[in-house]
Amino acid sequence: MKKSLIALAVLAASGAAMAQSSVTLYGVADVALAKSKDSSAALINGGVLGSRWGVKGTEDLGGGLSAKFDLQQRLDLTNGSASGFKYAWVGLAGGFGEVQLGSVGSAYDDIAGATSPLFDSALTTNIIAPTYNSYTDPLNRAVKYIAPEFGGFSAAVSTQFKDAGADNFRATSFNVGYTGGPLYVALGYEQQKNDAGLDSKLTRVVGSYDFGAAKLLASFGDNKDVATDLTIGVDVPLGAALTLSAGYTVADYDAGGDKGQAVGLALAYSLSKRTVLYTGFNKLNDEAVAASGNAEHTFAAGIKHSF
C-alpha cells in the first residue's frame, strides 16, 4: 500500500513538472522548380521560406518568469543536406519582456520583410537593392531584447559582441511597431560598423492595411549613401484557399543612372493549414539586374509544408 502511494506521488510530481515545461519539434519543408532567363530549369530550396527543422521550448520558473530556447537548423531539400543553425538562443521571459542570448534574428530583420509582396518569397519584387537586407545569416554573439506589447505597440533592440575575425564587425538595430485592427506599421533601423571603415545605416518603414477584399502592402527603405527604394503591393483573396499577390518596386541609386524597377505576380493555394502550393514570376529591368545580381525574369512553382 505504501509503495502504491509513493508511486502515485512520484507520478503526480512528474506530471506537475511536465505541465510546467514544453518542448516542440517544428519546421518547414519548401522546394520549388524555377526557370530564369538564360538558365536551365532547376529545383531551388526554400521558394517561400528556407527549409529548416527546429526544437523550441519553455519552462515555467514561477512568479511569471519563464526560461526559453530555440534551435533552428537549415535544410536543403535539393540535396538532402543540413547546414549551420539559422537561430540558436536561450533566454528569459516575463513581465519585463524577453531577453535572448546567442544567434538571433536582428530587430531590423524582424520587420524588414513583413510587408513584402509575393508572400516574401524568392520572387518578391523587393530584391533590387540587396544591401537593404543586412544578412541572411543570424546575428551571432548577440543580445536581443523584446519589449512587452502594450496597446498594440511593440519594440525590440538587438546588438552583438564584435567579431575579431571580421574586422570587429558589429550590427546594432531596433524596431518599433503598431498593430491595431486592420492596420500594421513598423520602423526599423540598423547600423553596421567594423574597423575596416564600414559604416552602413539602414532604415526601413513598412505598413499594411487589410480591407477584407484586399490587403495593401508598402515598404520604404533607405541605405545611406547607397540607394532608396519603394515597394507597393496587394494581396487579394480569390477564395477560401486561393490568394493572388502582386508587387512593384522602384529603387533610386545614389551613384546615378536610371532607376531600378521590378514587378511580380504570384498565386498561393492552401491545400490545408500546413501545406501550400505556390507559383509566380517576376521581371526586372537592366538596372535592377545589375544592382541585385538576379536574372531579368524568373518563373517558379513550388510546395511548402509546415509542421
Protein backbone atom coordinates (compact mmCIF):
# COMPACT_ATOMS: atom_id res chain seq x y z
CA MET A 1 0.00 0.00 0.00
CA LYS A 2 2.81 2.36 0.96
CA LYS A 3 4.62 1.53 -2.29
CA SER A 4 1.46 2.34 -4.26
CA LEU A 5 1.08 5.70 -2.52
CA ILE A 6 4.75 6.55 -3.18
CA ALA A 7 4.38 5.63 -6.85
CA LEU A 8 1.29 7.79 -7.19
CA ALA A 9 3.09 10.70 -5.51
CA VAL A 10 6.03 10.35 -7.91
CA LEU A 11 3.70 10.26 -10.91
CA ALA A 12 1.81 13.31 -9.65
CA ALA A 13 5.03 15.26 -9.12
CA SER A 14 6.28 14.24 -12.56
CA GLY A 15 3.00 15.32 -14.15
CA ALA A 16 3.19 18.70 -12.42
CA ALA A 17 6.77 19.21 -13.63
CA MET A 18 5.84 18.24 -17.19
CA ALA A 19 2.86 20.60 -17.10
CA GLN A 20 5.25 23.46 -16.36
CA SER A 21 7.54 22.73 -19.34
CA SER A 22 7.03 22.21 -23.05
CA VAL A 23 9.30 21.23 -25.95
CA THR A 24 8.09 21.49 -29.55
CA LEU A 25 9.56 19.97 -32.70
CA TYR A 26 8.70 22.09 -35.74
CA GLY A 27 9.95 23.10 -39.17
CA VAL A 28 9.39 23.95 -42.81
CA ALA A 29 9.95 21.83 -45.93
CA ASP A 30 9.89 24.07 -49.02
CA VAL A 31 11.14 23.39 -52.54
CA ALA A 32 10.33 24.93 -55.95
CA LEU A 33 11.01 24.40 -59.62
CA ALA A 34 12.42 27.64 -61.06
CA LYS A 35 13.34 28.83 -64.55
CA SER A 36 15.22 32.06 -65.15
CA LYS A 37 16.32 33.75 -68.35
CA ASP A 38 19.49 32.23 -69.83
CA SER A 39 19.50 29.36 -67.31
CA SER A 40 18.08 25.85 -67.23
CA ALA A 41 15.15 24.86 -65.06
CA ALA A 42 16.26 23.73 -61.61
CA LEU A 43 14.97 22.85 -58.18
CA ILE A 44 15.62 25.57 -55.61
CA ASN A 45 15.42 25.23 -51.86
CA GLY A 46 13.03 27.46 -49.96
CA GLY A 47 10.99 29.28 -52.57
CA VAL A 48 8.92 30.97 -49.85
CA LEU A 49 10.65 30.03 -46.59
CA GLY A 50 14.07 28.48 -46.16
CA SER A 51 13.66 24.81 -45.31
CA ARG A 52 14.58 24.06 -41.71
CA TRP A 53 13.77 21.99 -38.67
CA GLY A 54 13.85 23.18 -35.11
CA VAL A 55 13.27 22.48 -31.46
CA LYS A 56 11.95 25.14 -29.12
CA GLY A 57 10.83 25.03 -25.54
CA THR A 58 9.62 26.91 -22.49
CA GLU A 59 9.90 26.19 -18.78
CA ASP A 60 7.71 27.94 -16.24
CA LEU A 61 10.03 29.08 -13.45
CA GLY A 62 7.22 30.56 -11.37
CA GLY A 63 6.39 34.12 -10.48
CA GLY A 64 5.65 34.95 -14.12
CA LEU A 65 9.22 34.08 -15.20
CA SER A 66 9.98 31.55 -17.96
CA ALA A 67 13.13 30.09 -19.50
CA LYS A 68 13.03 29.73 -23.29
CA PHE A 69 15.20 28.33 -26.09
CA ASP A 70 15.01 27.98 -29.86
CA LEU A 71 17.31 25.91 -32.11
CA GLN A 72 16.72 26.00 -35.90
CA GLN A 73 18.94 24.14 -38.35
CA ARG A 74 18.90 24.85 -42.09
CA LEU A 75 17.97 22.07 -44.51
CA ASP A 76 18.49 21.85 -48.29
CA LEU A 77 15.81 19.67 -49.87
CA THR A 78 17.58 19.66 -53.24
CA ASN A 79 20.45 17.53 -51.92
CA GLY A 80 19.27 16.36 -48.52
CA SER A 81 21.99 18.19 -46.61
CA ALA A 82 21.83 20.05 -43.31
CA SER A 83 23.98 23.09 -42.58
CA GLY A 84 24.50 25.54 -39.74
CA PHE A 85 21.86 26.76 -37.37
CA LYS A 86 19.72 29.67 -38.51
CA TYR A 87 18.92 30.57 -34.90
CA ALA A 88 20.27 29.17 -31.66
CA TRP A 89 19.48 31.02 -28.47
CA VAL A 90 18.41 30.72 -24.86
CA GLY A 91 16.75 33.39 -22.74
CA LEU A 92 14.29 34.53 -20.12
CA ALA A 93 10.80 35.99 -20.49
CA GLY A 94 8.43 37.65 -18.05
CA GLY A 95 6.51 40.81 -17.38
CA PHE A 96 9.62 42.77 -18.34
CA GLY A 97 9.58 41.33 -21.87
CA GLU A 98 12.03 38.80 -23.32
CA VAL A 99 15.82 38.58 -23.47
CA GLN A 100 17.54 36.27 -25.98
CA LEU A 101 21.25 35.33 -25.93
CA GLY A 102 23.07 33.58 -28.79
CA SER A 103 22.39 33.59 -32.53
CA VAL A 104 19.17 35.54 -33.12
CA GLY A 105 17.26 37.39 -35.81
CA SER A 106 18.12 41.08 -35.64
CA ALA A 107 15.48 43.61 -34.63
CA TYR A 108 15.81 45.21 -38.07
CA ASP A 109 15.34 41.96 -39.96
CA ASP A 110 12.27 41.14 -37.87
CA ILE A 111 10.26 43.82 -39.70
CA ALA A 112 12.20 44.30 -42.97
CA GLY A 113 10.20 41.75 -44.97
CA ALA A 114 6.95 41.92 -43.02
CA THR A 115 5.02 43.55 -45.88
CA SER A 116 6.94 42.24 -48.90
CA PRO A 117 4.60 41.24 -51.75
CA LEU A 118 4.52 37.82 -53.41
CA PHE A 119 4.44 36.27 -49.91
CA ASP A 120 8.00 37.48 -49.20
CA SER A 121 9.18 34.64 -51.43
CA ALA A 122 12.22 34.29 -53.69
CA LEU A 123 10.11 36.07 -56.32
CA THR A 124 9.33 39.16 -54.25
CA THR A 125 9.99 42.39 -56.11
CA ASN A 126 11.76 43.83 -53.06
CA ILE A 127 15.09 42.33 -54.21
CA ILE A 128 16.63 45.06 -56.31
CA ALA A 129 18.65 46.71 -53.56
CA PRO A 130 20.12 43.72 -51.74
CA THR A 131 22.15 45.86 -49.34
CA TYR A 132 18.88 46.57 -47.53
CA ASN A 133 18.92 43.01 -46.26
CA SER A 134 21.56 43.15 -43.56
CA TYR A 135 22.30 39.43 -43.78
CA THR A 136 20.70 36.08 -44.43
CA ASP A 137 22.65 34.59 -41.51
CA PRO A 138 21.66 35.19 -37.90
CA LEU A 139 23.10 37.90 -35.70
CA ASN A 140 25.78 35.91 -33.87
CA ARG A 141 27.22 36.56 -30.40
CA ALA A 142 24.10 38.64 -29.85
CA VAL A 143 21.87 40.05 -27.17
CA LYS A 144 18.26 40.84 -28.07
CA TYR A 145 15.51 42.42 -26.00
CA ILE A 146 11.82 42.29 -26.98
CA ALA A 147 9.58 44.66 -25.01
CA PRO A 148 6.12 43.51 -23.85
CA GLU A 149 3.33 44.61 -26.17
CA PHE A 150 1.14 47.40 -24.86
CA GLY A 151 -1.96 48.77 -26.56
CA GLY A 152 -0.89 47.34 -29.90
CA PHE A 153 2.63 48.82 -29.68
CA SER A 154 5.74 46.65 -29.87
CA ALA A 155 9.50 47.24 -29.83
CA ALA A 156 12.79 45.34 -29.89
CA VAL A 157 16.51 46.07 -29.90
CA SER A 158 19.49 43.85 -30.74
CA THR A 159 23.27 44.15 -30.74
CA GLN A 160 26.25 41.83 -30.82
CA PHE A 161 29.73 41.49 -29.44
CA LYS A 162 32.43 42.30 -32.02
CA ASP A 163 33.73 39.60 -34.35
CA ALA A 164 37.54 39.77 -34.30
CA GLY A 165 37.66 37.58 -37.41
CA ALA A 166 35.70 40.13 -39.46
CA ASP A 167 37.49 43.37 -38.55
CA ASN A 168 35.41 43.60 -35.37
CA PHE A 169 32.12 43.71 -37.29
CA ARG A 170 29.14 44.70 -35.17
CA ALA A 171 25.49 45.38 -36.03
CA THR A 172 23.05 47.18 -33.74
CA SER A 173 19.38 47.67 -34.60
CA PHE A 174 15.93 48.39 -33.24
CA ASN A 175 12.32 48.30 -34.36
CA VAL A 176 9.06 49.82 -33.17
CA GLY A 177 5.63 48.87 -34.47
CA TYR A 178 1.90 49.19 -34.03
CA THR A 179 -0.88 46.73 -34.82
CA GLY A 180 -4.48 47.84 -34.48
CA GLY A 181 -7.29 46.01 -36.25
CA PRO A 182 -6.54 46.01 -39.99
CA LEU A 183 -3.59 48.42 -39.66
CA TYR A 184 0.07 47.49 -39.22
CA VAL A 185 3.03 49.90 -39.33
CA ALA A 186 6.64 49.49 -38.20
CA LEU A 187 10.00 51.25 -38.34
CA GLY A 188 13.37 49.51 -38.31
CA TYR A 189 16.89 50.93 -38.14
CA GLU A 190 20.29 49.27 -38.18
CA GLN A 191 23.92 50.43 -38.11
CA GLN A 192 26.75 48.15 -39.18
CA LYS A 193 30.35 49.04 -38.37
CA ASN A 194 33.81 47.49 -38.41
CA ASP A 195 37.45 48.54 -38.11
CA ALA A 196 37.89 48.48 -41.92
CA GLY A 197 35.73 51.58 -42.31
CA LEU A 198 32.29 50.04 -42.83
CA ASP A 199 29.57 52.37 -41.55
CA SER A 200 26.23 51.35 -43.05
CA LYS A 201 22.99 52.91 -41.87
CA LEU A 202 19.78 51.18 -42.93
CA THR A 203 16.26 52.49 -42.31
CA ARG A 204 13.00 50.84 -43.32
CA VAL A 205 9.35 51.74 -42.82
CA VAL A 206 6.73 49.08 -43.57
CA GLY A 207 2.96 49.09 -43.43
CA SER A 208 -0.18 47.22 -44.44
CA TYR A 209 -3.94 47.72 -44.27
CA ASP A 210 -6.44 44.89 -44.65
CA PHE A 211 -9.68 46.00 -46.29
CA GLY A 212 -11.01 42.44 -46.31
CA ALA A 213 -11.41 42.29 -50.08
CA ALA A 214 -7.71 43.17 -50.45
CA LYS A 215 -4.70 43.84 -48.27
CA LEU A 216 -2.47 46.75 -49.29
CA LEU A 217 1.29 46.46 -48.67
CA ALA A 218 4.00 49.14 -48.65
CA SER A 219 7.68 49.41 -47.77
CA PHE A 220 10.18 52.26 -47.99
CA GLY A 221 13.89 51.80 -47.36
CA ASP A 222 16.97 53.99 -47.23
CA ASN A 223 20.55 52.74 -47.24
CA LYS A 224 22.53 55.92 -46.57
CA ASP A 225 24.78 56.95 -49.47
CA VAL A 226 23.72 53.85 -51.46
CA ALA A 227 20.06 53.92 -52.54
CA THR A 228 16.44 54.32 -51.57
CA ASP A 229 13.59 52.05 -52.64
CA LEU A 230 9.81 51.99 -52.55
CA THR A 231 7.68 48.85 -52.81
CA ILE A 232 3.91 48.69 -53.12
CA GLY A 233 1.86 45.52 -53.29
CA VAL A 234 -1.51 43.91 -52.74
CA ASP A 235 -2.76 40.53 -51.54
CA VAL A 236 -6.20 39.61 -52.88
CA PRO A 237 -8.10 36.56 -51.57
CA LEU A 238 -9.82 34.91 -54.53
CA GLY A 239 -11.49 32.29 -52.40
CA ALA A 240 -11.20 30.48 -49.10
CA ALA A 241 -7.91 28.85 -50.16
CA LEU A 242 -6.58 30.93 -53.08
CA THR A 243 -4.67 34.23 -52.78
CA LEU A 244 -3.25 36.47 -55.51
CA SER A 245 -0.31 38.74 -54.68
CA ALA A 246 1.22 41.46 -56.87
CA GLY A 247 4.06 43.90 -56.27
CA TYR A 248 6.13 46.67 -57.79
CA THR A 249 9.45 48.12 -56.59
CA VAL A 250 11.45 51.11 -57.76
CA ALA A 251 14.95 51.98 -56.49
CA ASP A 252 16.90 55.22 -56.86
CA TYR A 253 20.67 54.68 -56.68
CA ASP A 254 22.85 57.43 -55.24
CA ALA A 255 25.53 56.63 -57.83
CA GLY A 256 23.19 57.94 -60.53
CA GLY A 257 21.83 56.33 -63.67
CA ASP A 258 18.35 55.05 -64.34
CA LYS A 259 16.10 53.75 -61.60
CA GLY A 260 15.86 50.04 -60.94
CA GLN A 261 12.39 48.57 -61.33
CA ALA A 262 10.83 45.17 -60.68
CA VAL A 263 7.31 43.78 -60.99
CA GLY A 264 5.89 40.42 -59.96
CA LEU A 265 2.75 38.30 -59.63
CA ALA A 266 2.13 35.14 -57.56
CA LEU A 267 -0.65 32.74 -56.56
CA ALA A 268 -0.83 30.61 -53.41
CA TYR A 269 -3.32 27.76 -52.88
CA SER A 270 -3.71 26.26 -49.42
CA LEU A 271 -4.31 22.52 -49.53
CA SER A 272 -4.54 22.64 -45.73
CA LYS A 273 -3.46 24.87 -42.86
CA ARG A 274 0.08 23.49 -43.21
CA THR A 275 0.53 22.76 -46.93
CA VAL A 276 0.57 25.43 -49.67
CA LEU A 277 1.12 25.26 -53.42
CA TYR A 278 2.50 28.45 -54.99
CA THR A 279 3.57 29.80 -58.36
CA GLY A 280 4.58 33.15 -59.80
CA PHE A 281 7.04 35.22 -61.79
CA ASN A 282 8.97 38.47 -61.57
CA LYS A 283 10.66 40.74 -64.10
CA LEU A 284 13.50 43.20 -63.50
CA ASN A 285 14.85 45.97 -65.70
CA ASP A 286 18.57 46.17 -66.59
CA GLU A 287 19.43 48.49 -63.69
CA ALA A 288 17.74 46.17 -61.20
CA VAL A 289 19.57 43.17 -62.66
CA ALA A 290 22.91 44.96 -62.30
CA ALA A 291 22.19 46.03 -58.72
CA SER A 292 20.79 42.74 -57.43
CA GLY A 293 22.66 40.12 -59.45
CA ASN A 294 19.34 38.39 -60.14
CA ALA A 295 18.01 37.26 -63.50
CA GLU A 296 15.93 39.53 -65.75
CA HIS A 297 12.90 37.34 -65.20
CA THR A 298 12.17 34.21 -63.18
CA PHE A 299 9.24 31.78 -63.04
CA ALA A 300 8.78 29.37 -60.15
CA ALA A 301 6.27 26.85 -58.80
CA GLY A 302 6.64 25.00 -55.54
CA ILE A 303 5.21 23.47 -52.40
CA LYS A 304 5.67 24.49 -48.77
CA HIS A 305 4.77 22.28 -45.84
CA SER A 306 4.98 23.48 -42.24
CA PHE A 307 4.97 21.08 -39.31
